[in-house]
Amino acid sequence: MPKFEFDQELNVSAERLWAALKDSNRLFPQIAPNFIASIDHVAGVGGQPGAVRLIKFGPVSPKGTYVKEKTVSIDAATYTIITAEIEGGHLAQGFRKWWPTMTLIPVEDKVVVEWTVSYEGGEDATEAIIDQTKDGILQLFEALDEHIVTSGEYP
């Protein structure tokens, strides 16, 4: 399966970022409403493997776009989460599979967020969609970093 990788250094600790990510259903629409309009838990036990959430995108995406994302695995000891898109999102853009893996790597009092996205399909627009995905994630996590730093939340 093809994949792409990228990373981003943030100014908060892995512990603080991990705590904020546990609150992402509430937090992401609050800090980045242009990207994410809402996130709702729709199946399974929230924050556990098998959980499904519905993410409705904000106005930077075409009207009505969404993704249903299933949690495949979570490892709090290594700060790793693997998800799979099961409806909408990249699957609506011609991909057959889209599996992001996010790992937080502690670096002193900061964190490096490492992303690996495995995918199948999407031969018609792969490069443009990958670039758009990277840009969106980087901007979202930059906003999250700024929020954690300035708000003092998630000590």
Protein backbone atom coordinates (compact mmCIF):
# COMPACT_ATOMS: atom_id res chain seq x y z
CA MET A 1 0.00 0.00 0.00
CA PRO A 2 1.46 3.43 -0.89
CA LYS A 3 2.02 5.93 1.89
CA PHE A 4 3.27 9.41 2.60
CA GLU A 5 4.89 10.80 5.73
CA PHE A 6 5.43 14.21 7.27
CA ASP A 7 6.06 15.71 10.68
CA GLN A 8 5.65 18.93 12.61
CA GLU A 9 7.33 20.28 15.75
CA LEU A 10 5.06 21.99 18.25
CA ASN A 11 5.83 24.14 21.29
CA VAL A 12 3.97 22.03 23.85
CA SER A 13 4.82 18.76 25.54
CA ALA A 14 3.58 15.42 24.26
CA GLU A 15 1.54 15.04 27.47
CA ARG A 16 -0.28 18.33 26.95
CA LEU A 17 -0.94 17.65 23.28
CA TRP A 18 -2.20 14.12 24.03
CA ALA A 19 -4.60 15.55 26.65
CA ALA A 20 -5.88 18.12 24.16
CA LEU A 21 -6.36 15.46 21.47
CA LYS A 22 -8.61 13.52 23.87
CA ASP A 23 -10.81 16.65 23.80
CA SER A 24 -10.62 17.12 20.01
CA ASN A 25 -14.34 16.55 19.39
CA ARG A 26 -15.02 19.78 21.29
CA LEU A 27 -11.77 21.59 20.69
CA PHE A 28 -11.17 21.36 16.91
CA PRO A 29 -14.46 23.04 15.87
CA GLN A 30 -13.80 25.73 18.50
CA ILE A 31 -10.24 26.61 17.42
CA ALA A 32 -10.54 25.96 13.67
CA PRO A 33 -14.17 26.45 12.57
CA ASN A 34 -13.16 27.14 8.97
CA PHE A 35 -11.69 23.64 8.78
CA ILE A 36 -14.01 21.67 11.07
CA ALA A 37 -17.65 22.60 11.68
CA SER A 38 -18.42 19.77 14.09
CA ILE A 39 -17.25 16.40 15.38
CA ASP A 40 -19.77 13.94 16.80
CA HIS A 41 -19.26 10.52 18.34
CA VAL A 42 -21.61 8.14 16.45
CA ALA A 43 -20.64 4.57 17.42
CA GLY A 44 -18.60 2.53 19.88
CA VAL A 45 -16.96 3.79 23.05
CA GLY A 46 -15.44 7.24 22.55
CA GLY A 47 -11.64 7.26 22.62
CA GLN A 48 -11.42 3.48 22.25
CA PRO A 49 -10.67 1.19 19.28
CA GLY A 50 -13.83 0.71 17.24
CA ALA A 51 -15.22 4.17 18.04
CA VAL A 52 -16.58 6.08 15.06
CA ARG A 53 -16.92 9.81 14.80
CA LEU A 54 -18.53 12.01 12.17
CA ILE A 55 -16.43 15.03 11.22
CA LYS A 56 -18.23 17.74 9.25
CA PHE A 57 -15.86 20.10 7.50
CA GLY A 58 -16.08 23.88 7.61
CA PRO A 59 -16.43 26.43 4.81
CA VAL A 60 -12.93 25.87 3.36
CA SER A 61 -14.25 22.53 2.08
CA PRO A 62 -17.07 22.08 -0.43
CA LYS A 63 -20.48 22.37 1.26
CA GLY A 64 -21.68 19.16 2.83
CA THR A 65 -18.33 17.40 2.98
CA TYR A 66 -17.68 15.09 5.87
CA VAL A 67 -15.76 11.99 6.91
CA LYS A 68 -16.65 9.09 9.17
CA GLU A 69 -13.48 8.03 10.95
CA LYS A 70 -13.02 4.80 12.88
CA THR A 71 -10.40 4.43 15.60
CA VAL A 72 -8.34 1.34 14.77
CA SER A 73 -5.92 1.46 17.70
CA ILE A 74 -4.69 3.74 20.48
CA ASP A 75 -1.45 3.29 22.41
CA ALA A 76 -1.19 5.88 25.19
CA ALA A 77 2.29 4.64 26.18
CA THR A 78 3.71 5.56 22.75
CA TYR A 79 1.22 8.37 22.04
CA THR A 80 0.08 6.63 18.86
CA ILE A 81 -3.35 6.55 17.27
CA ILE A 82 -4.37 4.83 14.03
CA THR A 83 -7.64 5.67 12.34
CA ALA A 84 -9.38 4.61 9.13
CA GLU A 85 -11.77 6.61 7.03
CA ILE A 86 -14.88 4.50 6.48
CA GLU A 87 -17.15 6.96 4.61
CA GLY A 88 -16.82 10.33 2.88
CA GLY A 89 -13.54 12.25 3.11
CA HIS A 90 -10.81 10.83 0.91
CA LEU A 91 -12.99 7.83 0.03
CA ALA A 92 -15.38 10.25 -1.71
CA GLN A 93 -12.38 11.54 -3.71
CA GLY A 94 -11.56 8.20 -5.30
CA PHE A 95 -9.46 6.49 -2.64
CA ARG A 96 -10.40 2.97 -1.54
CA LYS A 97 -8.48 3.13 1.76
CA TRP A 98 -7.13 6.00 3.85
CA TRP A 99 -5.39 5.04 7.12
CA PRO A 100 -3.59 7.83 9.05
CA THR A 101 -1.21 6.99 11.88
CA MET A 102 -0.22 9.80 14.25
CA THR A 103 2.61 9.43 16.77
CA LEU A 104 3.75 12.06 19.25
CA ILE A 105 7.51 12.05 19.85
CA PRO A 106 8.57 13.91 23.04
CA VAL A 107 11.57 16.19 22.49
CA GLU A 108 12.44 17.86 25.81
CA ASP A 109 9.53 20.24 26.53
CA LYS A 110 8.24 20.09 22.93
CA VAL A 111 6.74 17.43 20.70
CA VAL A 112 7.19 16.27 17.13
CA VAL A 113 3.97 14.99 15.56
CA GLU A 114 4.79 12.27 13.04
CA TRP A 115 2.19 11.33 10.44
CA THR A 116 2.14 8.31 8.15
CA VAL A 117 -0.85 7.96 5.86
CA SER A 118 -1.32 4.68 4.00
CA TYR A 119 -3.77 4.69 1.12
CA GLU A 120 -5.08 2.80 -1.89
CA GLY A 121 -6.62 4.28 -5.02
CA GLY A 122 -6.91 7.96 -5.86
CA GLU A 123 -4.71 7.68 -8.93
CA ASP A 124 -6.42 10.63 -10.65
CA ALA A 125 -5.55 13.35 -8.11
CA THR A 126 -3.19 11.79 -5.58
CA GLU A 127 -0.50 14.51 -5.43
CA ALA A 128 -2.94 17.44 -5.12
CA ILE A 129 -5.02 15.68 -2.47
CA ILE A 130 -1.94 14.65 -0.48
CA ASP A 131 -0.62 18.23 -0.52
CA GLN A 132 -4.03 19.58 0.54
CA THR A 133 -4.23 17.00 3.35
CA LYS A 134 -0.75 17.86 4.65
CA ASP A 135 -1.47 21.60 4.55
CA GLY A 136 -4.78 21.20 6.38
CA ILE A 137 -3.29 19.02 9.13
CA LEU A 138 -0.30 21.32 9.60
CA GLN A 139 -2.58 24.36 9.91
CA LEU A 140 -4.95 22.58 12.29
CA PHE A 141 -2.14 21.45 14.58
CA GLU A 142 -0.53 24.91 14.46
CA ALA A 143 -3.85 26.33 15.69
CA LEU A 144 -4.02 23.63 18.36
CA ASP A 145 -0.47 24.39 19.50
CA GLU A 146 -1.26 28.11 19.74
CA HIS A 147 -4.46 27.41 21.67
CA ILE A 148 -2.74 25.17 24.21
CA VAL A 149 0.09 27.69 24.73
CA THR A 150 -2.15 30.76 25.07
CA SER A 151 -5.08 29.23 26.95
CA GLY A 152 -3.09 27.39 29.61
CA GLU A 153 -5.47 24.45 29.20
CA TYR A 154 -4.19 20.89 29.45
CA PRO A 155 -1.40 21.55 31.99
